[in-house]
């Protein structure tokens, strides 16, 4: 399927993270040999009904802007009406993702009945252990105007796989990056869903947009 080609609400946009052992500084199984579309796609493709390769972050409420910020700096110059622009230091960007907080999704040692019985790692355990653990992981944000219709296979929903049978069932635009979850801050509410903010530090360029 092609990129999204018309103005539309990206209401089915998905956030996912590769999990597994860390190889070459990258968490995933297998780690991509190079940081390109093929390498990242391999981390987000279900190959077995009992193999846990990536996890979706559920209940995302708001996504931030994604992309590499400008490193242009405006410099005032005495005697001139307009400032000049120069290339400054390109600082690594950060991302803050707002989620509707469900404690079970972020509780260490939580269990799930929706995965195969022999899968030891659970969603709650995996996501909770990522917070402030200092490990860089491969992350994927997929812009989707419609929900993928691929088949479900095993512990992950393979309709969200990075291939033609998953995300490729609908128009999609996919961004990848390497990053760490630095913090999870919870904001209790009396009148709305309890919210939490996931703060990411970005460890690489943004790769994409690709399409599957």
N, C-alpha and C. Protein backbone atom coordinates (compact mmCIF):
# COMPACT_ATOMS: atom_id res chain seq x y z
N UNK A 1 0.85 -1.18 0.00
CA UNK A 1 0.00 0.00 0.00
C UNK A 1 0.89 1.24 0.00
N UNK A 2 0.34 2.34 -0.46
CA UNK A 2 1.10 3.58 -0.60
C UNK A 2 0.99 4.45 0.64
N UNK A 3 1.73 5.57 0.60
CA UNK A 3 1.61 6.57 1.64
C UNK A 3 0.19 7.13 1.68
N UNK A 4 -0.18 7.73 2.80
CA UNK A 4 -1.43 8.48 2.86
C UNK A 4 -1.35 9.60 1.83
N UNK A 5 -2.38 9.71 1.00
CA UNK A 5 -2.29 10.60 -0.15
C UNK A 5 -3.36 11.69 -0.15
N UNK A 6 -4.11 11.82 0.94
CA UNK A 6 -5.14 12.83 0.99
C UNK A 6 -5.23 13.41 2.40
N UNK A 7 -5.91 14.53 2.53
CA UNK A 7 -6.11 15.14 3.84
C UNK A 7 -7.07 14.26 4.63
N UNK A 8 -6.64 13.84 5.81
CA UNK A 8 -7.49 12.96 6.62
C UNK A 8 -7.02 13.01 8.06
N UNK A 9 -7.89 12.61 8.97
CA UNK A 9 -7.51 12.49 10.38
C UNK A 9 -6.74 11.19 10.57
N UNK A 10 -5.60 11.28 11.25
CA UNK A 10 -4.78 10.08 11.48
C UNK A 10 -5.21 9.43 12.79
N UNK A 11 -6.48 9.04 12.87
CA UNK A 11 -7.05 8.61 14.14
C UNK A 11 -6.61 7.22 14.58
N UNK A 12 -6.02 6.44 13.68
CA UNK A 12 -5.56 5.10 14.04
C UNK A 12 -4.03 5.03 14.14
N UNK A 13 -3.39 6.18 14.29
CA UNK A 13 -1.93 6.22 14.43
C UNK A 13 -1.48 5.34 15.59
N UNK A 14 -0.39 4.60 15.36
CA UNK A 14 0.04 3.57 16.31
C UNK A 14 1.46 3.84 16.77
N UNK A 15 1.73 3.57 18.05
CA UNK A 15 3.07 3.66 18.62
C UNK A 15 3.47 2.29 19.12
N UNK A 16 4.65 1.81 18.69
CA UNK A 16 5.10 0.48 19.07
C UNK A 16 6.60 0.50 19.33
N UNK A 17 7.07 -0.50 20.09
CA UNK A 17 8.49 -0.60 20.45
C UNK A 17 8.95 -2.03 20.26
N UNK A 18 10.16 -2.19 19.71
CA UNK A 18 10.75 -3.52 19.57
C UNK A 18 11.30 -3.96 20.91
N UNK A 19 11.14 -5.23 21.24
CA UNK A 19 11.65 -5.75 22.51
C UNK A 19 12.56 -6.92 22.23
N UNK A 20 13.26 -7.37 23.25
CA UNK A 20 14.18 -8.49 23.10
C UNK A 20 15.56 -8.12 23.61
N UNK A 21 16.51 -8.98 23.38
CA UNK A 21 17.87 -8.74 23.85
C UNK A 21 18.50 -7.57 23.10
N UNK A 22 19.40 -6.88 23.76
CA UNK A 22 20.07 -5.74 23.15
C UNK A 22 21.32 -6.22 22.41
N UNK A 23 21.36 -5.95 21.11
CA UNK A 23 22.50 -6.34 20.27
C UNK A 23 23.01 -5.11 19.54
N UNK A 24 24.28 -4.82 19.68
CA UNK A 24 24.84 -3.66 19.02
C UNK A 24 24.22 -2.36 19.47
N UNK A 25 23.75 -2.33 20.73
CA UNK A 25 23.15 -1.12 21.26
C UNK A 25 21.69 -0.95 20.90
N UNK A 26 21.12 -1.94 20.21
CA UNK A 26 19.74 -1.85 19.78
C UNK A 26 18.95 -2.99 20.39
N UNK A 27 17.83 -2.67 21.04
CA UNK A 27 16.99 -3.70 21.63
C UNK A 27 16.05 -4.23 20.56
N UNK A 28 16.07 -5.50 20.36
CA UNK A 28 15.20 -6.11 19.37
C UNK A 28 15.67 -7.51 19.05
N UNK A 29 14.88 -8.25 18.34
CA UNK A 29 15.24 -9.62 17.99
C UNK A 29 14.69 -9.93 16.60
N UNK A 30 15.52 -9.93 15.55
CA UNK A 30 16.95 -9.61 15.60
C UNK A 30 17.17 -8.11 15.50
N UNK A 31 18.34 -7.65 15.88
CA UNK A 31 18.68 -6.25 15.71
C UNK A 31 18.96 -5.98 14.24
N UNK A 32 18.56 -4.82 13.72
CA UNK A 32 18.83 -4.53 12.31
C UNK A 32 20.32 -4.34 12.07
N UNK A 33 20.80 -4.88 10.98
CA UNK A 33 22.22 -4.74 10.66
C UNK A 33 22.56 -3.29 10.37
N UNK A 34 21.64 -2.60 9.75
CA UNK A 34 21.82 -1.18 9.48
C UNK A 34 20.51 -0.48 9.80
N UNK A 35 20.59 0.81 10.08
CA UNK A 35 19.39 1.58 10.40
C UNK A 35 18.73 2.04 9.10
N UNK A 36 18.00 1.12 8.49
CA UNK A 36 17.26 1.43 7.28
C UNK A 36 15.88 0.77 7.36
N UNK A 37 15.08 0.94 6.34
CA UNK A 37 13.71 0.42 6.41
C UNK A 37 13.68 -1.09 6.59
N UNK A 38 14.50 -1.82 5.85
CA UNK A 38 14.49 -3.28 5.97
C UNK A 38 14.86 -3.73 7.37
N UNK A 39 15.86 -3.08 7.96
CA UNK A 39 16.28 -3.46 9.31
C UNK A 39 15.21 -3.18 10.34
N UNK A 40 14.59 -2.03 10.26
CA UNK A 40 13.54 -1.70 11.21
C UNK A 40 12.29 -2.54 10.99
N UNK A 41 11.91 -2.75 9.72
CA UNK A 41 10.72 -3.55 9.45
C UNK A 41 10.83 -4.94 10.06
N UNK A 42 12.04 -5.50 10.05
CA UNK A 42 12.24 -6.85 10.59
C UNK A 42 11.94 -6.92 12.07
N UNK A 43 12.09 -5.80 12.78
CA UNK A 43 11.84 -5.77 14.21
C UNK A 43 10.34 -5.72 14.53
N UNK A 44 9.55 -5.35 13.55
CA UNK A 44 8.12 -5.16 13.78
C UNK A 44 7.30 -6.09 12.88
N UNK A 45 7.77 -7.32 12.75
CA UNK A 45 7.06 -8.32 11.95
C UNK A 45 6.94 -9.60 12.75
N UNK A 46 5.73 -10.09 12.94
CA UNK A 46 5.48 -11.29 13.71
C UNK A 46 5.84 -12.52 12.89
N UNK A 47 6.66 -13.38 13.44
CA UNK A 47 7.09 -14.58 12.72
C UNK A 47 6.61 -15.86 13.38
N UNK A 48 6.08 -15.77 14.59
CA UNK A 48 5.65 -16.97 15.31
C UNK A 48 4.53 -16.62 16.25
N UNK A 49 3.63 -17.57 16.48
CA UNK A 49 2.52 -17.34 17.39
C UNK A 49 2.96 -17.22 18.83
N UNK A 50 4.22 -17.57 19.12
CA UNK A 50 4.71 -17.51 20.50
C UNK A 50 5.92 -16.59 20.65
N UNK A 51 6.32 -15.93 19.58
CA UNK A 51 7.49 -15.06 19.63
C UNK A 51 7.06 -13.62 19.84
N UNK A 52 7.53 -13.02 20.91
CA UNK A 52 7.19 -11.64 21.23
C UNK A 52 8.26 -10.73 20.65
N UNK A 53 7.95 -9.95 19.63
CA UNK A 53 8.95 -9.12 18.97
C UNK A 53 8.74 -7.64 19.19
N UNK A 54 7.49 -7.22 19.29
CA UNK A 54 7.24 -5.80 19.53
C UNK A 54 5.95 -5.64 20.33
N UNK A 55 5.83 -4.49 20.97
CA UNK A 55 4.65 -4.19 21.78
C UNK A 55 4.06 -2.86 21.34
N UNK A 56 2.76 -2.79 21.32
CA UNK A 56 2.08 -1.53 21.08
C UNK A 56 1.85 -0.81 22.40
N UNK A 57 2.03 0.49 22.38
CA UNK A 57 1.70 1.32 23.53
C UNK A 57 0.22 1.68 23.41
N UNK A 58 -0.57 1.16 24.33
CA UNK A 58 -2.01 1.32 24.25
C UNK A 58 -2.47 2.67 24.80
N UNK A 59 -3.66 3.06 24.39
CA UNK A 59 -4.36 4.22 24.96
C UNK A 59 -3.59 5.53 24.81
N UNK A 60 -2.93 5.70 23.67
CA UNK A 60 -2.26 6.98 23.41
C UNK A 60 -3.33 8.05 23.22
N UNK A 61 -3.16 9.14 23.92
CA UNK A 61 -4.14 10.24 23.88
C UNK A 61 -3.73 11.33 22.90
N UNK A 62 -2.45 11.72 22.95
CA UNK A 62 -1.95 12.77 22.07
C UNK A 62 -0.53 12.46 21.64
N UNK A 63 -0.25 12.63 20.35
CA UNK A 63 1.10 12.51 19.83
C UNK A 63 1.70 13.90 19.65
N UNK A 64 2.99 14.03 19.87
CA UNK A 64 3.65 15.30 19.58
C UNK A 64 4.05 15.38 18.11
N UNK A 65 4.61 16.52 17.73
CA UNK A 65 5.21 16.62 16.40
C UNK A 65 6.43 15.70 16.35
N UNK A 66 6.60 15.02 15.23
CA UNK A 66 7.70 14.08 15.05
C UNK A 66 8.60 14.57 13.93
N UNK A 67 9.88 14.59 14.18
CA UNK A 67 10.82 15.01 13.16
C UNK A 67 12.03 15.68 13.79
N UNK A 68 13.03 15.95 12.98
CA UNK A 68 14.25 16.58 13.47
C UNK A 68 14.08 18.10 13.47
N UNK A 69 14.26 18.74 14.63
CA UNK A 69 14.06 20.20 14.69
C UNK A 69 15.16 20.95 13.95
N UNK A 70 14.85 22.18 13.63
CA UNK A 70 15.81 23.04 12.94
C UNK A 70 16.96 23.41 13.87
N UNK A 71 18.15 23.52 13.30
CA UNK A 71 19.30 23.98 14.08
C UNK A 71 19.75 25.36 13.62
N UNK A 72 18.81 26.13 13.06
CA UNK A 72 19.11 27.48 12.61
C UNK A 72 18.96 28.45 13.78
N UNK A 73 19.96 29.30 13.96
CA UNK A 73 19.97 30.28 15.04
C UNK A 73 19.96 31.68 14.44
N UNK A 74 19.06 32.54 14.97
CA UNK A 74 19.02 33.94 14.54
C UNK A 74 20.04 34.74 15.36
N UNK A 75 20.90 35.49 14.66
CA UNK A 75 21.98 36.24 15.31
C UNK A 75 21.79 37.73 15.03
N UNK A 76 21.51 38.53 16.07
CA UNK A 76 21.42 39.98 15.85
C UNK A 76 22.76 40.57 15.44
N UNK A 77 22.72 41.57 14.59
CA UNK A 77 23.94 42.25 14.14
C UNK A 77 23.75 43.75 14.31
N UNK A 78 24.65 44.39 15.06
CA UNK A 78 24.55 45.83 15.26
C UNK A 78 24.62 46.56 13.92
N UNK A 79 23.75 47.54 13.79
CA UNK A 79 23.76 48.36 12.60
C UNK A 79 22.94 47.81 11.46
N UNK A 80 22.33 46.63 11.64
CA UNK A 80 21.50 46.06 10.58
C UNK A 80 20.08 45.89 11.10
N UNK A 81 19.12 46.09 10.23
CA UNK A 81 17.72 45.99 10.62
C UNK A 81 17.30 44.52 10.85
N UNK A 82 17.91 43.64 10.13
CA UNK A 82 17.52 42.24 10.21
C UNK A 82 18.65 41.40 10.77
N UNK A 83 18.29 40.39 11.52
CA UNK A 83 19.31 39.48 12.06
C UNK A 83 19.77 38.52 10.97
N UNK A 84 20.91 37.93 11.20
CA UNK A 84 21.42 36.91 10.29
C UNK A 84 21.13 35.53 10.87
N UNK A 85 21.20 34.53 10.02
CA UNK A 85 20.96 33.16 10.48
C UNK A 85 22.21 32.33 10.24
N UNK A 86 22.54 31.50 11.22
CA UNK A 86 23.67 30.60 11.09
C UNK A 86 23.25 29.21 11.55
N UNK A 87 24.02 28.22 11.16
CA UNK A 87 23.77 26.86 11.61
C UNK A 87 24.31 26.66 13.01
N UNK A 88 23.43 26.35 13.94
CA UNK A 88 23.85 26.16 15.32
C UNK A 88 24.02 24.68 15.64
N UNK A 89 24.11 24.38 16.92
CA UNK A 89 24.26 23.00 17.36
C UNK A 89 22.93 22.28 17.25
N UNK A 90 22.93 21.11 16.64
CA UNK A 90 21.71 20.32 16.49
C UNK A 90 21.54 19.44 17.72
N UNK A 91 20.72 19.88 18.65
CA UNK A 91 20.48 19.10 19.86
C UNK A 91 19.53 17.95 19.58
N UNK A 92 19.73 16.86 20.30
CA UNK A 92 18.83 15.72 20.16
C UNK A 92 17.44 16.12 20.64
N UNK A 93 16.41 15.86 19.85
CA UNK A 93 15.06 16.24 20.26
C UNK A 93 14.52 15.31 21.34
N UNK A 94 13.46 15.74 21.97
CA UNK A 94 12.74 14.90 22.92
C UNK A 94 11.29 14.80 22.48
N UNK A 95 10.64 13.76 22.92
CA UNK A 95 9.22 13.57 22.61
C UNK A 95 8.46 13.34 23.90
N UNK A 96 7.30 13.95 24.02
CA UNK A 96 6.39 13.72 25.14
C UNK A 96 5.07 13.20 24.57
N UNK A 97 4.75 11.97 24.91
CA UNK A 97 3.52 11.33 24.44
C UNK A 97 2.56 11.22 25.61
N UNK A 98 1.35 11.71 25.43
CA UNK A 98 0.33 11.66 26.48
C UNK A 98 -0.52 10.41 26.28
N UNK A 99 -0.69 9.64 27.34
CA UNK A 99 -1.52 8.44 27.28
C UNK A 99 -2.61 8.51 28.34
N UNK A 100 -3.70 7.79 28.10
CA UNK A 100 -4.70 7.55 29.13
C UNK A 100 -4.17 6.40 29.97
N UNK A 101 -3.86 6.69 31.20
CA UNK A 101 -3.09 5.77 32.03
C UNK A 101 -3.93 4.61 32.54
N UNK A 102 -3.49 3.39 32.20
CA UNK A 102 -4.07 2.16 32.74
C UNK A 102 -2.97 1.48 33.54
N UNK A 103 -3.03 1.49 34.87
CA UNK A 103 -1.92 0.98 35.68
C UNK A 103 -1.48 -0.43 35.32
N UNK A 104 -2.40 -1.29 34.92
CA UNK A 104 -2.02 -2.67 34.61
C UNK A 104 -1.07 -2.75 33.42
N UNK A 105 -1.16 -1.77 32.51
CA UNK A 105 -0.27 -1.77 31.35
C UNK A 105 1.15 -1.35 31.72
N UNK A 106 1.34 -0.79 32.92
CA UNK A 106 2.64 -0.28 33.31
C UNK A 106 3.07 -0.81 34.68
N UNK A 107 2.47 -1.92 35.10
CA UNK A 107 2.79 -2.49 36.41
C UNK A 107 3.82 -3.59 36.26
N UNK A 108 4.90 -3.48 36.98
CA UNK A 108 5.93 -4.52 36.92
C UNK A 108 5.37 -5.83 37.47
N UNK A 109 5.59 -6.90 36.71
CA UNK A 109 5.12 -8.21 37.16
C UNK A 109 3.68 -8.50 36.83
N UNK A 110 3.03 -7.62 36.05
CA UNK A 110 1.65 -7.89 35.69
C UNK A 110 1.59 -9.04 34.69
N UNK A 111 0.44 -9.64 34.56
CA UNK A 111 0.26 -10.78 33.67
C UNK A 111 -0.79 -10.48 32.63
N UNK A 112 -0.82 -11.27 31.58
CA UNK A 112 -1.81 -11.12 30.53
C UNK A 112 -2.32 -12.49 30.13
N UNK A 113 -3.60 -12.57 29.87
CA UNK A 113 -4.21 -13.84 29.46
C UNK A 113 -4.42 -13.90 27.95
N UNK A 114 -3.96 -12.87 27.24
CA UNK A 114 -4.21 -12.83 25.80
C UNK A 114 -3.06 -13.37 24.98
N UNK A 115 -1.96 -13.73 25.64
CA UNK A 115 -0.81 -14.24 24.92
C UNK A 115 -0.66 -15.73 25.13
N UNK A 116 0.17 -16.31 24.32
CA UNK A 116 0.41 -17.75 24.44
C UNK A 116 0.97 -18.08 25.82
N UNK A 117 0.62 -19.27 26.33
CA UNK A 117 0.96 -19.63 27.70
C UNK A 117 2.45 -19.69 27.95
N UNK A 118 3.24 -20.00 26.91
CA UNK A 118 4.68 -20.16 27.12
C UNK A 118 5.45 -18.85 26.92
N UNK A 119 4.75 -17.74 26.73
CA UNK A 119 5.42 -16.45 26.65
C UNK A 119 5.62 -15.92 28.06
N UNK A 120 6.88 -15.83 28.48
CA UNK A 120 7.17 -15.45 29.85
C UNK A 120 7.01 -13.95 30.04
N UNK A 121 7.55 -13.16 29.13
CA UNK A 121 7.47 -11.71 29.25
C UNK A 121 6.04 -11.26 29.01
N UNK A 122 5.58 -10.31 29.79
CA UNK A 122 4.23 -9.78 29.63
C UNK A 122 4.31 -8.30 29.30
N UNK A 123 3.22 -7.78 28.78
CA UNK A 123 3.21 -6.39 28.35
C UNK A 123 3.52 -5.45 29.50
N UNK A 124 2.87 -5.64 30.64
CA UNK A 124 3.11 -4.76 31.77
C UNK A 124 4.55 -4.80 32.22
N UNK A 125 5.10 -6.00 32.33
CA UNK A 125 6.48 -6.14 32.77
C UNK A 125 7.43 -5.47 31.80
N UNK A 126 7.26 -5.71 30.52
CA UNK A 126 8.17 -5.16 29.52
C UNK A 126 8.13 -3.63 29.51
N UNK A 127 6.95 -3.04 29.42
CA UNK A 127 6.86 -1.60 29.33
C UNK A 127 7.32 -0.92 30.61
N UNK A 128 6.95 -1.47 31.76
CA UNK A 128 7.37 -0.87 33.03
C UNK A 128 8.88 -0.90 33.18
N UNK A 129 9.51 -1.98 32.75
CA UNK A 129 10.96 -2.09 32.90
C UNK A 129 11.72 -1.17 31.96
N UNK A 130 11.06 -0.66 30.93
CA UNK A 130 11.73 0.25 29.99
C UNK A 130 11.94 1.64 30.57
N UNK A 131 11.12 2.01 31.54
CA UNK A 131 11.19 3.37 32.06
C UNK A 131 12.50 3.56 32.82
N UNK A 132 13.32 4.48 32.35
CA UNK A 132 14.58 4.88 32.99
C UNK A 132 15.58 3.74 33.11
N UNK A 133 15.52 2.74 32.21
CA UNK A 133 16.50 1.65 32.28
C UNK A 133 17.77 1.97 31.49
N UNK A 134 17.78 3.07 30.77
CA UNK A 134 18.98 3.50 30.05
C UNK A 134 19.23 2.79 28.74
N UNK A 135 18.32 1.93 28.29
CA UNK A 135 18.53 1.18 27.06
C UNK A 135 17.82 1.86 25.88
N UNK A 136 18.56 1.93 24.78
CA UNK A 136 18.00 2.49 23.56
C UNK A 136 17.25 1.40 22.80
N UNK A 137 16.06 1.73 22.35
CA UNK A 137 15.23 0.76 21.64
C UNK A 137 14.72 1.36 20.34
N UNK A 138 14.32 0.47 19.44
CA UNK A 138 13.72 0.90 18.18
C UNK A 138 12.25 1.17 18.41
N UNK A 139 11.80 2.35 18.01
CA UNK A 139 10.41 2.76 18.14
C UNK A 139 9.82 3.03 16.76
N UNK A 140 8.53 2.82 16.66
CA UNK A 140 7.83 3.05 15.38
C UNK A 140 6.55 3.83 15.63
N UNK A 141 6.37 4.88 14.85
CA UNK A 141 5.09 5.57 14.82
C UNK A 141 4.53 5.45 13.42
N UNK A 142 3.34 4.86 13.31
CA UNK A 142 2.72 4.64 12.01
C UNK A 142 1.50 5.53 11.89
N UNK A 143 1.52 6.45 10.93
CA UNK A 143 0.37 7.29 10.65
C UNK A 143 -0.64 6.48 9.87
N UNK A 144 -1.83 6.35 10.43
CA UNK A 144 -2.86 5.52 9.81
C UNK A 144 -4.20 6.25 9.84
N UNK A 145 -4.85 6.34 8.70
CA UNK A 145 -6.18 6.93 8.63
C UNK A 145 -7.27 5.88 8.80
N UNK A 146 -6.89 4.60 8.73
CA UNK A 146 -7.84 3.49 8.89
C UNK A 146 -7.15 2.37 9.64
N UNK A 147 -7.93 1.52 10.27
CA UNK A 147 -7.35 0.42 11.04
C UNK A 147 -6.96 -0.72 10.10
N UNK A 148 -5.74 -1.26 10.23
CA UNK A 148 -5.34 -2.39 9.39
C UNK A 148 -6.26 -3.59 9.61
N UNK A 149 -6.40 -4.39 8.57
CA UNK A 149 -7.34 -5.52 8.62
C UNK A 149 -6.65 -6.87 8.51
N UNK A 150 -5.34 -6.89 8.72
CA UNK A 150 -4.62 -8.16 8.63
C UNK A 150 -5.02 -9.13 9.72
N UNK A 151 -4.55 -10.35 9.62
CA UNK A 151 -4.89 -11.39 10.59
C UNK A 151 -4.14 -11.18 11.89
N UNK A 152 -4.69 -11.71 12.98
CA UNK A 152 -4.03 -11.67 14.28
C UNK A 152 -3.28 -12.97 14.48
N UNK A 153 -2.02 -12.86 14.90
CA UNK A 153 -1.19 -14.05 15.11
C UNK A 153 -0.45 -13.93 16.41
N UNK A 154 -0.75 -14.80 17.35
CA UNK A 154 0.05 -14.93 18.56
C UNK A 154 0.02 -13.73 19.47
N UNK A 155 1.13 -13.48 20.18
CA UNK A 155 1.16 -12.50 21.25
C UNK A 155 1.06 -11.06 20.79
N UNK A 156 1.43 -10.77 19.56
CA UNK A 156 1.28 -9.42 19.03
C UNK A 156 0.21 -9.43 17.96
N UNK A 157 -0.39 -8.29 17.76
CA UNK A 157 -1.41 -8.20 16.72
C UNK A 157 -0.73 -7.98 15.39
N UNK A 158 -0.67 -9.03 14.60
CA UNK A 158 0.12 -8.95 13.38
C UNK A 158 -0.51 -8.07 12.31
N UNK A 159 -1.75 -7.60 12.52
CA UNK A 159 -2.28 -6.63 11.57
C UNK A 159 -1.51 -5.31 11.65
N UNK A 160 -0.70 -5.15 12.70
CA UNK A 160 0.15 -3.96 12.81
C UNK A 160 1.60 -4.26 12.45
N UNK A 161 1.88 -5.40 11.84
CA UNK A 161 3.23 -5.71 11.38
C UNK A 161 3.66 -4.73 10.29
N UNK A 162 4.96 -4.50 10.21
CA UNK A 162 5.50 -3.61 9.17
C UNK A 162 5.73 -4.39 7.89
N UNK A 163 4.67 -4.80 7.26
CA UNK A 163 4.77 -5.49 5.97
C UNK A 163 3.45 -5.34 5.23
N UNK A 164 3.40 -5.93 4.03
CA UNK A 164 2.22 -5.77 3.19
C UNK A 164 0.97 -6.40 3.81
N UNK A 165 1.16 -7.45 4.61
CA UNK A 165 0.01 -8.11 5.21
C UNK A 165 -0.46 -7.47 6.49
N UNK A 166 0.27 -6.47 6.98
CA UNK A 166 -0.10 -5.79 8.21
C UNK A 166 -0.51 -4.36 7.93
N UNK A 167 0.42 -3.43 8.20
CA UNK A 167 0.13 -2.02 7.93
C UNK A 167 -0.18 -1.79 6.46
N UNK A 168 0.39 -2.64 5.60
CA UNK A 168 0.21 -2.47 4.17
C UNK A 168 -1.20 -2.72 3.67
N UNK A 169 -2.10 -3.16 4.56
CA UNK A 169 -3.50 -3.34 4.17
C UNK A 169 -4.21 -2.00 4.00
N UNK A 170 -3.64 -0.95 4.58
CA UNK A 170 -4.23 0.39 4.46
C UNK A 170 -3.12 1.37 4.11
N UNK A 171 -3.49 2.56 3.69
CA UNK A 171 -2.48 3.59 3.45
C UNK A 171 -1.77 3.90 4.76
N UNK A 172 -0.45 4.01 4.70
CA UNK A 172 0.32 4.21 5.92
C UNK A 172 1.60 4.99 5.63
N UNK A 173 2.05 5.71 6.62
CA UNK A 173 3.34 6.38 6.58
C UNK A 173 4.02 6.11 7.91
N UNK A 174 5.23 5.56 7.86
CA UNK A 174 5.87 5.02 9.06
C UNK A 174 7.18 5.76 9.34
N UNK A 175 7.36 6.13 10.61
CA UNK A 175 8.60 6.73 11.08
C UNK A 175 9.24 5.81 12.11
N UNK A 176 10.56 5.67 12.05
CA UNK A 176 11.31 4.91 13.04
C UNK A 176 12.34 5.81 13.70
N UNK A 177 12.70 5.47 14.94
CA UNK A 177 13.79 6.16 15.62
C UNK A 177 14.29 5.29 16.76
N UNK A 178 15.49 5.60 17.22
CA UNK A 178 16.04 4.96 18.41
C UNK A 178 15.86 5.91 19.58
N UNK A 179 15.38 5.39 20.71
CA UNK A 179 15.15 6.27 21.85
C UNK A 179 14.99 5.52 23.15
N UNK A 180 14.99 6.28 24.23
CA UNK A 180 14.83 5.75 25.58
C UNK A 180 13.63 6.40 26.25
N UNK A 181 12.90 5.63 27.07
CA UNK A 181 11.88 6.22 27.92
C UNK A 181 12.57 6.75 29.17
N UNK A 182 12.58 8.05 29.32
CA UNK A 182 13.27 8.66 30.44
C UNK A 182 12.37 8.76 31.68
N UNK A 183 11.08 8.94 31.47
CA UNK A 183 10.19 9.09 32.63
C UNK A 183 8.76 8.78 32.25
N UNK A 184 7.99 8.42 33.27
CA UNK A 184 6.55 8.22 33.17
C UNK A 184 5.92 9.00 34.32
N UNK A 185 5.24 10.10 33.99
CA UNK A 185 4.66 10.98 34.99
C UNK A 185 3.15 10.89 34.92
N UNK A 186 2.51 10.58 36.05
CA UNK A 186 1.08 10.34 36.10
C UNK A 186 0.38 11.56 36.69
N UNK A 187 -0.72 11.97 36.06
CA UNK A 187 -1.51 13.11 36.52
C UNK A 187 -2.92 12.64 36.87
N UNK A 188 -3.23 12.47 38.15
CA UNK A 188 -4.59 12.07 38.54
C UNK A 188 -5.60 13.15 38.14
N UNK A 189 -6.83 12.72 37.88
CA UNK A 189 -7.87 13.66 37.47
C UNK A 189 -9.19 13.29 38.12
N UNK A 190 -9.96 14.31 38.46
CA UNK A 190 -11.28 14.09 39.04
C UNK A 190 -12.37 14.00 37.99
N UNK A 191 -12.15 14.62 36.85
CA UNK A 191 -13.22 14.75 35.86
C UNK A 191 -12.90 14.13 34.51
N UNK A 192 -11.72 13.54 34.37
CA UNK A 192 -11.32 12.99 33.08
C UNK A 192 -10.55 11.71 33.35
N UNK A 193 -10.15 11.03 32.29
CA UNK A 193 -9.31 9.84 32.45
C UNK A 193 -7.99 10.24 33.08
N UNK A 194 -7.48 9.39 33.94
CA UNK A 194 -6.14 9.62 34.49
C UNK A 194 -5.13 9.60 33.35
N UNK A 195 -4.29 10.62 33.30
CA UNK A 195 -3.34 10.75 32.21
C UNK A 195 -1.91 10.53 32.70
N UNK A 196 -1.06 10.17 31.76
CA UNK A 196 0.36 10.04 32.06
C UNK A 196 1.14 10.56 30.85
N UNK A 197 2.33 11.03 31.11
CA UNK A 197 3.20 11.54 30.05
C UNK A 197 4.45 10.69 29.96
N UNK A 198 4.66 10.12 28.78
CA UNK A 198 5.89 9.38 28.50
C UNK A 198 6.89 10.34 27.86
N UNK A 199 8.04 10.49 28.48
CA UNK A 199 9.07 11.38 27.94
C UNK A 199 10.19 10.54 27.34
N UNK A 200 10.49 10.78 26.07
CA UNK A 200 11.52 10.05 25.35
C UNK A 200 12.71 10.96 25.09
N UNK A 201 13.90 10.41 25.19
CA UNK A 201 15.08 11.06 24.64
C UNK A 201 15.42 10.34 23.34
N UNK A 202 15.69 11.10 22.30
CA UNK A 202 15.91 10.53 20.98
C UNK A 202 17.41 10.31 20.79
N UNK A 203 17.77 9.09 20.37
CA UNK A 203 19.17 8.70 20.24
C UNK A 203 19.64 8.58 18.79
N UNK A 204 18.79 8.97 17.86
CA UNK A 204 19.16 8.82 16.45
C UNK A 204 18.38 9.83 15.63
N UNK A 205 18.64 9.85 14.33
CA UNK A 205 17.79 10.59 13.42
C UNK A 205 16.43 9.90 13.33
N UNK A 206 15.46 10.61 12.77
CA UNK A 206 14.19 9.99 12.44
C UNK A 206 14.31 9.39 11.04
N UNK A 207 13.88 8.16 10.90
CA UNK A 207 13.97 7.45 9.63
C UNK A 207 12.57 7.32 9.05
N UNK A 208 12.41 7.84 7.85
CA UNK A 208 11.11 7.81 7.22
C UNK A 208 10.77 9.21 6.67
N UNK A 209 9.55 9.36 6.16
CA UNK A 209 8.50 8.35 6.20
C UNK A 209 8.69 7.25 5.16
N UNK A 210 8.48 6.02 5.62
CA UNK A 210 8.43 4.86 4.76
C UNK A 210 6.97 4.43 4.61
N UNK A 211 6.72 3.51 3.72
CA UNK A 211 5.40 2.91 3.61
C UNK A 211 5.56 1.42 3.41
N UNK A 212 4.63 0.65 3.92
CA UNK A 212 4.68 -0.81 3.81
C UNK A 212 3.61 -1.31 2.84
